[in-house]
């Protein structure tokens, strides 16, 4: 199975609360495939690159302070429509708007502590995956379940 690749971060609040397995399990349950995963302590430099689009916004410093406050789990997720599927599983950015059954709807109540990040679109995914993974970090492999997840023609 191939398809889109997207970045997912289990943020410091998700790691500290012991939700990494739950988050990864929900993403894998969709049929999407993990092709890269690492535990990382994000530097302020990397955080600045990751959040560059928000650099002039009043909440930028808080974003950088939070994402660098503890370890995160970075994942590169692959599959057809991976970006849209990950975003659906995550739920809206503000947990108040996130329905039950989504990661944010089930595990978060505060916008600043919303457990997970996922790339918003293909351009962001390409840029963000490149910030956290080298091509050598990403593994191509098939799964015996792939034909049961995606119809081949």
Protein backbone atom coordinates (compact mmCIF):
# COMPACT_ATOMS: atom_id res chain seq x y z
CA UNK A 1 0.00 0.00 0.00
CA UNK A 2 1.27 3.45 -0.76
CA UNK A 3 -0.33 6.85 -0.91
CA UNK A 4 0.05 10.10 0.91
CA UNK A 5 2.43 10.61 3.76
CA UNK A 6 1.71 12.92 6.66
CA UNK A 7 3.32 13.94 9.92
CA UNK A 8 1.71 13.21 13.26
CA UNK A 9 3.11 14.42 16.56
CA UNK A 10 1.92 13.10 19.90
CA UNK A 11 2.59 16.30 21.78
CA UNK A 12 4.21 16.53 25.24
CA UNK A 13 0.82 16.38 26.99
CA UNK A 14 -0.04 13.12 25.21
CA UNK A 15 3.34 11.59 26.07
CA UNK A 16 3.17 12.72 29.71
CA UNK A 17 -0.37 11.38 30.08
CA UNK A 18 0.59 7.97 28.67
CA UNK A 19 -1.62 8.27 25.58
CA UNK A 20 0.96 7.35 22.92
CA UNK A 21 -0.31 3.78 22.58
CA UNK A 22 -3.92 4.92 22.39
CA UNK A 23 -3.14 7.51 19.71
CA UNK A 24 -1.01 5.12 17.66
CA UNK A 25 -3.62 2.38 18.03
CA UNK A 26 -6.42 4.59 16.76
CA UNK A 27 -4.38 5.64 13.74
CA UNK A 28 -3.35 2.06 12.94
CA UNK A 29 -6.95 0.85 13.36
CA UNK A 30 -7.96 2.94 10.35
CA UNK A 31 -5.63 0.89 8.15
CA UNK A 32 -3.03 3.63 7.79
CA UNK A 33 0.57 2.46 8.07
CA UNK A 34 3.43 3.80 10.20
CA UNK A 35 6.51 4.22 8.00
CA UNK A 36 8.54 6.25 10.50
CA UNK A 37 8.43 6.75 14.26
CA UNK A 38 10.76 8.33 16.78
CA UNK A 39 10.76 9.79 20.27
CA UNK A 40 12.29 13.25 20.13
CA UNK A 41 12.88 16.26 22.33
CA UNK A 42 12.21 19.12 19.93
CA UNK A 43 14.76 21.93 20.01
CA UNK A 44 13.67 25.56 19.90
CA UNK A 45 15.28 25.77 16.45
CA UNK A 46 13.21 22.86 15.10
CA UNK A 47 10.08 24.22 16.79
CA UNK A 48 10.69 27.56 15.08
CA UNK A 49 10.85 25.86 11.69
CA UNK A 50 7.80 23.73 12.44
CA UNK A 51 5.70 26.71 13.55
CA UNK A 52 7.23 29.26 11.14
CA UNK A 53 3.83 30.26 9.73
CA UNK A 54 2.78 31.46 13.19
CA UNK A 55 5.98 33.41 13.98
CA UNK A 56 4.28 36.81 14.02
CA UNK A 57 1.19 35.69 15.95
CA UNK A 58 0.73 36.42 19.66
CA UNK A 59 0.47 32.73 20.58
CA UNK A 60 3.72 31.72 18.82
CA UNK A 61 5.94 31.82 21.90
CA UNK A 62 3.48 29.65 23.81
CA UNK A 63 3.46 27.09 20.99
CA UNK A 64 7.25 26.89 20.98
CA UNK A 65 7.47 26.76 24.78
CA UNK A 66 4.95 23.93 24.94
CA UNK A 67 6.25 21.74 22.09
CA UNK A 68 9.79 21.95 23.53
CA UNK A 69 8.66 21.25 27.12
CA UNK A 70 8.98 17.46 26.91
CA UNK A 71 9.39 14.57 24.52
CA UNK A 72 7.06 14.05 21.58
CA UNK A 73 6.48 11.01 19.42
CA UNK A 74 6.86 11.86 15.74
CA UNK A 75 5.21 9.56 13.24
CA UNK A 76 5.18 9.47 9.48
CA UNK A 77 1.87 7.89 8.51
CA UNK A 78 1.16 6.58 5.02
CA UNK A 79 -1.90 5.51 3.09
CA UNK A 80 -4.55 6.65 0.67
CA UNK A 81 -5.97 10.01 1.83
CA UNK A 82 -3.74 9.83 4.92
CA UNK A 83 -3.94 13.57 5.64
CA UNK A 84 -7.75 13.67 5.63
CA UNK A 85 -8.10 10.44 7.58
CA UNK A 86 -5.63 11.53 10.27
CA UNK A 87 -7.40 14.86 10.62
CA UNK A 88 -10.77 13.11 10.96
CA UNK A 89 -9.41 10.78 13.68
CA UNK A 90 -7.78 13.74 15.51
CA UNK A 91 -10.90 15.92 15.51
CA UNK A 92 -10.99 19.72 15.31
CA UNK A 93 -8.08 21.69 16.79
CA UNK A 94 -10.21 23.02 19.64
CA UNK A 95 -11.30 20.06 21.78
CA UNK A 96 -14.52 21.90 22.65
CA UNK A 97 -15.56 21.40 19.01
CA UNK A 98 -14.24 17.83 18.74
CA UNK A 99 -16.89 15.12 18.76
CA UNK A 100 -16.69 12.03 20.94
CA UNK A 101 -14.79 9.25 19.22
CA UNK A 102 -12.01 11.58 18.05
CA UNK A 103 -8.68 11.78 19.86
CA UNK A 104 -9.23 15.38 20.92
CA UNK A 105 -12.90 14.79 21.71
CA UNK A 106 -12.07 11.89 24.00
CA UNK A 107 -8.82 13.05 25.63
CA UNK A 108 -8.59 16.85 25.60
CA UNK A 109 -10.50 19.81 27.00
CA UNK A 110 -8.10 22.70 26.37
CA UNK A 111 -6.95 24.21 23.06
CA UNK A 112 -3.37 24.55 24.32
CA UNK A 113 -3.23 20.90 25.43
CA UNK A 114 -4.88 19.04 22.57
CA UNK A 115 -2.68 15.90 22.48
CA UNK A 116 -1.86 15.64 18.78
CA UNK A 117 -0.65 17.48 15.69
CA UNK A 118 -1.33 16.41 12.13
CA UNK A 119 -0.31 18.10 8.90
CA UNK A 120 -3.08 20.30 7.48
CA UNK A 121 -2.46 19.71 3.76
CA UNK A 122 -0.05 18.12 1.30
CA UNK A 123 2.40 21.06 1.23
CA UNK A 124 2.56 21.12 5.04
CA UNK A 125 2.93 17.33 5.17
CA UNK A 126 5.85 17.36 2.74
CA UNK A 127 7.60 20.13 4.67
CA UNK A 128 6.88 18.72 8.14
CA UNK A 129 7.85 15.12 7.35
CA UNK A 130 11.15 16.51 6.07
CA UNK A 131 11.73 18.38 9.33
CA UNK A 132 11.42 15.25 11.47
CA UNK A 133 12.63 12.44 9.20
CA UNK A 134 15.33 11.85 6.62
CA UNK A 135 14.49 9.58 3.66
CA UNK A 136 16.63 6.88 5.30
CA UNK A 137 14.40 7.03 8.41
CA UNK A 138 11.30 6.03 6.43
CA UNK A 139 10.71 2.37 5.72
CA UNK A 140 8.88 0.92 2.73
CA UNK A 141 7.17 -2.35 3.52
CA UNK A 142 4.05 -4.31 2.76
CA UNK A 143 1.64 -5.88 5.21
CA UNK A 144 -0.31 -9.07 4.74
CA UNK A 145 -3.43 -7.11 5.67
CA UNK A 146 -3.03 -4.50 2.92
CA UNK A 147 -5.40 -6.27 0.46
CA UNK A 148 -8.03 -6.29 3.20
CA UNK A 149 -7.65 -2.53 3.75
CA UNK A 150 -7.37 -1.15 0.21
CA UNK A 151 -9.08 -2.68 -2.80
CA UNK A 152 -6.66 -3.46 -5.60
CA UNK A 153 -7.90 -3.51 -9.16
